[in-house]
Amino acid sequence: MGKEKPLISVIVPVYNAEPYLERCLDSIVSQSYSDIEILLVNDASTDQSGQICDARAAKDGRIQVIHFSKNRGPSAARNEGIRVAKGTFAAFVDADDYVEADLLEKLYGNLLKTGAKVSACGAWGIEHRGGSARSYFQTEALRCLARCAPFPWTPWGKLYAMELVKKTPFDERIFYSEDILFLYQLFKQTDKICYLPDRLYHYSCREGGQVHSGVDEKKCTALCVHDAICKDIALNCPCLLPDFQQMALNVNRELAVMAVKANKADKQIFLYLRRIQKNIRRNFSWKALLLLSKKKQAAVLVLYISTAAFRRIAAIYTCVKRLKGGYVGKWRNGTRETNHQRNCTGV
């Protein structure tokens, strides 16, 4: 008789994902690593997502459904999944994404092989620089996190020791860059992260998602995330400060572009741009700037100097992009996978 494998808890926050949910669940229930529990947290969906979850649970005893009475956001949904999870390891999958059948098998195998407590893989449909299969010790892993290379700034596409996840809940007050804060706090608690370049996760960047929905007060919670991380790293590991400053500059640039793309009233746009400009100035350094691509360097410098100039240039650039047909993407397995993602968008 073979040795029993440890249980893996797969946590799926679900909110209005009806067109994608069946595909997502099909990819999870067909995992070659079968010792899993699947925790579906329905975040008060207004479409048929809740009914789909219940129907799947009735057919598969590994599935447990939790329904929220009101919408609380993905961080609260993930935290509820973590709270009830019984597994030795945890993995997150978003309800509009899907995974390869050997995702968990390969991530778990890499943990066994390396003795790490976090295992990451590559992904389709997301902008990040890959790398070869290897392990990263804490300081190097944090630098990789800051540079979004080789693993992206996302909780999904990774397998975690549950003891780490239980100690590092998502901050439910944060609605943008909460993934980065979660990973930063978790990476600080482990000595080693292993990486597998195989693209085992399929990310779907859909219209109407966070990347395309402009800027609001919830998105601006990202500003305090990057302030806090830069302050913490300056105290505890100052050699990495430029890396995390460039992360802050990049996310600020991204938020500023979103504000302009939203095409709202001029006064509202400039209010957001000024807040973002202040954050850029707080976290600016020339070392950090040089870690960005030349196009992003130029955008950050323009915004640092003048919000009005940034708005004019970004508006022209956005208009040209739209005239040329929008975002460039690749069709793979019948799905358009863009070169942009939630936190690594490039304009």
Protein backbone atom coordinates (compact mmCIF):
# COMPACT_ATOMS: atom_id res chain seq x y z
CA MET A 1 0.00 0.00 0.00
CA GLY A 2 1.38 3.41 -0.97
CA LYS A 3 1.98 6.17 1.50
CA GLU A 4 -1.05 8.44 1.92
CA LYS A 5 -0.53 11.90 0.48
CA PRO A 6 -1.25 15.03 2.53
CA LEU A 7 -4.53 16.87 1.92
CA ILE A 8 -4.37 20.02 -0.20
CA SER A 9 -7.04 22.68 0.31
CA VAL A 10 -7.93 24.50 -2.92
CA ILE A 11 -9.62 27.82 -2.07
CA VAL A 12 -11.72 29.53 -4.75
CA PRO A 13 -13.30 32.97 -4.12
CA VAL A 14 -16.37 33.23 -6.35
CA TYR A 15 -18.10 36.43 -7.40
CA ASN A 16 -20.24 36.72 -10.54
CA ALA A 17 -18.12 34.23 -12.45
CA GLU A 18 -20.98 32.32 -14.11
CA PRO A 19 -19.51 32.23 -17.67
CA TYR A 20 -16.18 30.84 -16.43
CA LEU A 21 -16.97 28.85 -13.30
CA GLU A 22 -17.71 25.45 -14.84
CA ARG A 23 -14.40 25.53 -16.74
CA CYS A 24 -12.57 26.47 -13.54
CA LEU A 25 -14.19 23.70 -11.48
CA ASP A 26 -13.66 21.10 -14.21
CA SER A 27 -9.94 21.85 -14.13
CA ILE A 28 -9.77 21.50 -10.34
CA VAL A 29 -11.81 18.31 -9.88
CA SER A 30 -9.76 16.58 -12.61
CA GLN A 31 -6.42 17.15 -10.87
CA SER A 32 -4.04 14.18 -11.02
CA TYR A 33 -3.36 14.88 -7.33
CA SER A 34 -6.73 13.71 -5.99
CA ASP A 35 -6.26 14.15 -2.22
CA ILE A 36 -7.88 17.58 -2.18
CA GLU A 37 -10.71 19.51 -0.65
CA ILE A 38 -12.25 22.31 -2.73
CA LEU A 39 -13.56 25.30 -0.79
CA LEU A 40 -15.83 27.52 -2.87
CA VAL A 41 -16.59 30.83 -1.16
CA ASN A 42 -19.52 32.52 -2.90
CA ASP A 43 -19.11 36.22 -2.19
CA ALA A 44 -22.83 37.11 -2.54
CA SER A 45 -22.84 36.65 -6.32
CA THR A 46 -25.83 38.15 -8.13
CA ASP A 47 -25.67 35.75 -11.09
CA GLN A 48 -25.98 31.95 -11.08
CA SER A 49 -22.53 31.33 -9.57
CA GLY A 50 -23.93 30.26 -6.19
CA GLN A 51 -26.28 27.72 -7.78
CA ILE A 52 -23.45 26.32 -9.90
CA CYS A 53 -21.33 25.88 -6.76
CA ASP A 54 -24.13 24.05 -4.94
CA ALA A 55 -24.81 21.78 -7.91
CA ARG A 56 -21.15 20.80 -8.16
CA ALA A 57 -20.94 20.15 -4.41
CA ALA A 58 -23.91 17.77 -4.68
CA LYS A 59 -21.95 15.71 -7.23
CA ASP A 60 -18.49 15.76 -5.61
CA GLY A 61 -17.97 15.16 -1.90
CA ARG A 62 -14.62 16.98 -1.99
CA ILE A 63 -16.40 20.29 -2.62
CA GLN A 64 -17.65 22.49 0.21
CA VAL A 65 -19.57 25.72 -0.47
CA ILE A 66 -19.66 28.75 1.79
CA HIS A 67 -22.15 31.53 0.96
CA PHE A 68 -21.66 35.13 2.11
CA SER A 69 -24.88 37.11 2.70
CA LYS A 70 -23.23 40.30 1.42
CA ASN A 71 -20.30 41.08 -0.83
CA ARG A 72 -17.07 41.31 1.18
CA GLY A 73 -14.34 41.09 -1.44
CA PRO A 74 -11.79 38.43 -2.47
CA SER A 75 -9.59 38.89 0.61
CA ALA A 76 -12.47 38.09 2.97
CA ALA A 77 -13.46 35.12 0.78
CA ARG A 78 -9.94 33.72 0.80
CA ASN A 79 -9.66 34.25 4.56
CA GLU A 80 -12.89 32.32 5.14
CA GLY A 81 -11.54 29.48 3.03
CA ILE A 82 -8.31 29.52 5.04
CA ARG A 83 -10.28 29.50 8.29
CA VAL A 84 -12.20 26.32 7.51
CA ALA A 85 -9.44 24.55 5.55
CA LYS A 86 -8.26 21.17 6.86
CA GLY A 87 -5.39 20.60 4.47
CA THR A 88 -1.67 20.44 5.13
CA PHE A 89 -1.13 22.66 2.09
CA ALA A 90 -3.16 25.44 0.46
CA ALA A 91 -3.61 26.63 -3.11
CA PHE A 92 -5.71 29.48 -4.50
CA VAL A 93 -7.55 29.52 -7.83
CA ASP A 94 -9.65 32.43 -9.09
CA ALA A 95 -13.10 31.48 -10.35
CA ASP A 96 -12.59 32.93 -13.83
CA ASP A 97 -9.26 31.13 -14.35
CA TYR A 98 -8.39 27.48 -14.91
CA VAL A 99 -5.43 25.18 -14.30
CA GLU A 100 -3.60 22.30 -15.90
CA ALA A 101 -4.49 18.82 -14.62
CA ASP A 102 -1.03 18.32 -13.10
CA LEU A 103 -0.77 21.71 -11.35
CA LEU A 104 -0.97 20.37 -7.78
CA GLU A 105 1.02 17.22 -8.54
CA LYS A 106 3.95 19.22 -9.90
CA LEU A 107 3.86 21.93 -7.24
CA TYR A 108 3.73 19.35 -4.46
CA GLY A 109 6.50 17.29 -6.07
CA ASN A 110 8.72 20.36 -6.19
CA LEU A 111 8.10 21.01 -2.48
CA LEU A 112 9.16 17.46 -1.66
CA LYS A 113 12.21 17.72 -3.88
CA THR A 114 13.48 21.03 -2.49
CA GLY A 115 12.25 21.05 1.11
CA ALA A 116 10.70 24.49 0.56
CA LYS A 117 7.40 25.62 2.08
CA VAL A 118 6.21 27.58 -0.96
CA SER A 119 6.19 26.27 -4.53
CA ALA A 120 5.46 28.53 -7.53
CA CYS A 121 4.95 27.89 -11.25
CA GLY A 122 4.65 29.85 -14.47
CA ALA A 123 1.35 31.05 -15.94
CA TRP A 124 -0.32 31.89 -19.24
CA GLY A 125 -2.01 35.23 -19.84
CA ILE A 126 0.15 37.25 -17.49
CA GLU A 127 3.12 39.56 -17.89
CA HIS A 128 6.09 38.28 -15.93
CA ARG A 129 9.63 37.24 -16.69
CA GLY A 130 10.14 33.52 -16.21
CA GLY A 131 13.27 31.63 -15.28
CA SER A 132 14.71 28.18 -14.78
CA ALA A 133 13.67 25.66 -12.13
CA ARG A 134 15.46 26.46 -8.88
CA SER A 135 15.05 27.46 -5.23
CA TYR A 136 15.36 30.96 -3.79
CA PHE A 137 16.34 31.74 -0.23
CA GLN A 138 14.48 34.47 1.61
CA THR A 139 16.34 37.65 0.58
CA GLU A 140 16.57 36.53 -3.03
CA ALA A 141 12.92 35.44 -3.04
CA LEU A 142 11.85 38.86 -1.78
CA ARG A 143 13.87 40.52 -4.55
CA CYS A 144 12.16 38.23 -7.09
CA LEU A 145 8.80 39.23 -5.65
CA ALA A 146 9.62 42.93 -5.97
CA ARG A 147 10.71 42.50 -9.60
CA CYS A 148 7.83 40.18 -10.55
CA ALA A 149 10.37 37.65 -11.80
CA PRO A 150 10.27 34.75 -12.11
CA PHE A 151 6.99 34.38 -10.18
CA PRO A 152 4.21 36.99 -10.49
CA TRP A 153 2.59 39.10 -7.76
CA THR A 154 -0.38 36.77 -7.33
CA PRO A 155 -1.49 34.30 -4.63
CA TRP A 156 -2.55 31.78 -7.27
CA GLY A 157 -0.09 29.59 -9.20
CA LYS A 158 1.53 28.60 -5.91
CA LEU A 159 1.29 25.91 -3.23
CA TYR A 160 1.84 26.90 0.40
CA ALA A 161 2.41 25.11 3.67
CA MET A 162 -0.88 25.73 5.49
CA GLU A 163 0.93 26.79 8.68
CA LEU A 164 2.26 29.85 6.81
CA VAL A 165 -1.10 30.77 5.30
CA LYS A 166 -2.90 30.47 8.64
CA LYS A 167 -0.40 32.94 10.14
CA THR A 168 -0.66 35.39 7.22
CA PRO A 169 -4.29 36.24 6.46
CA PHE A 170 -5.19 38.69 3.71
CA ASP A 171 -5.77 42.25 4.89
CA GLU A 172 -9.48 42.82 4.24
CA ARG A 173 -9.04 46.60 4.39
CA ILE A 174 -6.93 46.50 1.21
CA PHE A 175 -8.59 46.14 -2.19
CA TYR A 176 -5.65 46.57 -4.57
CA SER A 177 -2.11 45.22 -4.10
CA GLU A 178 -3.50 43.00 -1.32
CA ASP A 179 -1.87 40.07 -3.14
CA ILE A 180 1.55 41.74 -2.91
CA LEU A 181 1.10 42.47 0.80
CA PHE A 182 0.07 38.85 1.46
CA LEU A 183 3.07 37.43 -0.40
CA TYR A 184 5.50 39.91 1.16
CA GLN A 185 4.40 39.01 4.68
CA LEU A 186 4.40 35.29 3.88
CA PHE A 187 7.82 35.26 2.19
CA LYS A 188 9.31 36.95 5.26
CA GLN A 189 8.29 33.88 7.28
CA THR A 190 9.93 31.20 5.17
CA ASP A 191 13.55 30.39 4.38
CA LYS A 192 13.05 29.03 0.87
CA ILE A 193 10.70 29.31 -2.13
CA CYS A 194 11.01 26.92 -5.07
CA TYR A 195 10.06 27.73 -8.65
CA LEU A 196 8.99 25.59 -11.60
CA PRO A 197 8.83 27.34 -15.01
CA ASP A 198 6.04 25.09 -16.34
CA ARG A 199 3.00 27.23 -17.22
CA LEU A 200 0.35 25.37 -15.25
CA TYR A 201 -2.07 28.23 -14.52
CA HIS A 202 -4.26 30.09 -17.03
CA TYR A 203 -5.11 33.64 -16.01
CA SER A 204 -8.08 35.33 -17.69
CA CYS A 205 -7.86 39.12 -17.91
CA ARG A 206 -11.48 40.00 -18.66
CA GLU A 207 -13.03 43.32 -19.57
CA GLY A 208 -14.68 44.88 -16.55
CA GLY A 209 -12.00 43.49 -14.25
CA GLN A 210 -9.81 45.65 -12.04
CA VAL A 211 -7.32 46.47 -14.78
CA HIS A 212 -10.05 48.04 -16.94
CA SER A 213 -12.30 49.68 -14.33
CA GLY A 214 -10.55 52.96 -13.57
CA VAL A 215 -9.44 54.23 -10.15
CA ASP A 216 -11.51 54.66 -7.00
CA GLU A 217 -10.94 54.83 -3.25
CA LYS A 218 -10.64 51.05 -2.98
CA LYS A 219 -7.85 50.94 -5.56
CA CYS A 220 -6.06 53.77 -3.74
CA THR A 221 -5.59 51.45 -0.75
CA ALA A 222 -2.60 50.19 -2.77
CA LEU A 223 -0.78 53.41 -1.89
CA CYS A 224 -0.62 52.57 1.81
CA VAL A 225 0.49 49.01 0.98
CA HIS A 226 3.58 50.19 -0.85
CA ASP A 227 4.34 52.85 1.75
CA ALA A 228 4.22 50.20 4.47
CA ILE A 229 6.33 47.67 2.57
CA CYS A 230 9.01 50.25 1.69
CA LYS A 231 9.20 51.42 5.31
CA ASP A 232 9.46 47.84 6.57
CA ILE A 233 12.12 46.77 4.07
CA ALA A 234 14.15 49.94 4.77
CA LEU A 235 14.35 48.89 8.43
CA ASN A 236 14.82 45.14 8.03
CA CYS A 237 16.59 44.60 4.71
CA PRO A 238 17.76 47.95 3.27
CA CYS A 239 19.67 46.29 0.43
CA LEU A 240 16.27 45.49 -1.13
CA LEU A 241 14.79 48.97 -0.76
CA PRO A 242 15.39 50.01 -4.43
CA ASP A 243 13.65 46.83 -5.59
CA PHE A 244 10.53 47.56 -3.57
CA GLN A 245 10.63 51.24 -4.45
CA GLN A 246 10.57 50.32 -8.15
CA MET A 247 7.58 48.08 -7.42
CA ALA A 248 5.85 51.08 -5.80
CA LEU A 249 6.74 53.33 -8.74
CA ASN A 250 5.41 50.77 -11.20
CA VAL A 251 2.10 50.26 -9.39
CA ASN A 252 1.68 54.03 -9.03
CA ARG A 253 2.29 54.44 -12.77
CA GLU A 254 -0.29 51.72 -13.42
CA LEU A 255 -2.89 53.42 -11.20
CA ALA A 256 -2.27 56.74 -12.91
CA VAL A 257 -2.84 55.20 -16.34
CA MET A 258 -6.07 53.61 -15.09
CA ALA A 259 -7.24 57.00 -13.82
CA VAL A 260 -6.72 58.57 -17.24
CA LYS A 261 -8.30 55.64 -19.11
CA ALA A 262 -11.45 55.94 -17.00
CA ASN A 263 -12.12 59.25 -18.78
CA LYS A 264 -13.94 60.79 -15.80
CA ALA A 265 -14.36 64.48 -15.01
CA ASP A 266 -11.09 66.40 -15.13
CA LYS A 267 -11.24 67.45 -11.46
CA GLN A 268 -11.64 63.87 -10.23
CA ILE A 269 -8.81 62.60 -12.42
CA PHE A 270 -6.44 65.29 -11.18
CA LEU A 271 -7.32 64.57 -7.53
CA TYR A 272 -6.32 60.94 -8.00
CA LEU A 273 -3.23 61.85 -10.03
CA ARG A 274 -2.05 64.22 -7.29
CA ARG A 275 -2.41 61.51 -4.63
CA ILE A 276 -0.48 59.09 -6.82
CA GLN A 277 2.17 61.75 -7.52
CA LYS A 278 2.70 62.26 -3.76
CA ASN A 279 3.21 58.52 -3.33
CA ILE A 280 5.72 58.44 -6.18
CA ARG A 281 7.67 61.28 -4.59
CA ARG A 282 7.71 59.50 -1.22
CA ASN A 283 9.06 56.28 -2.70
CA PHE A 284 11.28 57.69 -5.45
CA SER A 285 14.96 56.90 -5.89
CA TRP A 286 17.18 56.90 -8.98
CA LYS A 287 18.30 53.34 -8.23
CA ALA A 288 14.66 52.24 -8.23
CA LEU A 289 13.85 54.13 -11.41
CA LEU A 290 16.68 52.46 -13.32
CA LEU A 291 15.17 49.04 -12.57
CA LEU A 292 12.14 49.91 -14.72
CA SER A 293 11.95 49.74 -18.51
CA LYS A 294 12.72 52.98 -20.33
CA LYS A 295 9.07 53.49 -21.26
CA LYS A 296 8.01 53.13 -17.62
CA GLN A 297 10.88 55.35 -16.47
CA ALA A 298 9.60 58.10 -18.74
CA ALA A 299 6.03 57.73 -17.47
CA VAL A 300 7.14 57.87 -13.82
CA LEU A 301 9.32 60.94 -14.40
CA VAL A 302 6.55 62.82 -16.22
CA LEU A 303 4.10 62.05 -13.41
CA TYR A 304 6.71 63.02 -10.79
CA ILE A 305 7.08 66.42 -12.45
CA SER A 306 3.58 67.25 -13.71
CA THR A 307 0.18 65.55 -13.39
CA ALA A 308 -1.19 67.72 -16.20
CA ALA A 309 1.54 66.65 -18.62
CA PHE A 310 1.09 63.01 -17.63
CA ARG A 311 -2.64 63.18 -18.27
CA ARG A 312 -2.19 64.67 -21.73
CA ILE A 313 0.44 62.16 -22.79
CA ALA A 314 -1.41 59.14 -21.32
CA ALA A 315 -4.66 60.22 -22.95
CA ILE A 316 -2.98 60.45 -26.38
CA TYR A 317 -1.28 57.08 -25.89
CA THR A 318 -4.55 55.43 -24.84
CA CYS A 319 -6.35 56.87 -27.86
CA VAL A 320 -3.68 55.55 -30.22
CA LYS A 321 -3.86 52.10 -28.60
CA ARG A 322 -7.61 51.99 -29.07
CA LEU A 323 -7.32 53.03 -32.70
CA LYS A 324 -4.80 50.24 -33.28
CA GLY A 325 -7.18 47.64 -31.82
CA GLY A 326 -6.50 47.62 -28.08
CA TYR A 327 -4.42 45.20 -26.14
CA VAL A 328 -2.25 42.66 -27.88
CA GLY A 329 -2.95 39.09 -26.91
CA LYS A 330 -2.52 35.49 -28.01
CA TRP A 331 -5.21 32.92 -28.60
CA ARG A 332 -4.46 29.66 -26.86
CA ASN A 333 -6.84 26.77 -26.21
CA GLY A 334 -9.71 28.94 -27.45
CA THR A 335 -9.02 31.71 -24.93
CA ARG A 336 -7.59 35.16 -25.60
CA GLU A 337 -4.72 35.57 -23.17
CA THR A 338 -3.51 39.16 -22.91
CA ASN A 339 -0.06 40.46 -22.13
CA HIS A 340 -1.48 42.39 -19.17
CA GLN A 341 -2.41 41.35 -15.69
CA ARG A 342 -3.82 42.77 -12.48
CA ASN A 343 -0.61 44.08 -11.02
CA CYS A 344 1.93 43.85 -13.85
CA THR A 345 0.13 45.83 -16.52
CA GLY A 346 2.41 47.74 -18.84
CA VAL A 347 1.54 50.95 -20.63
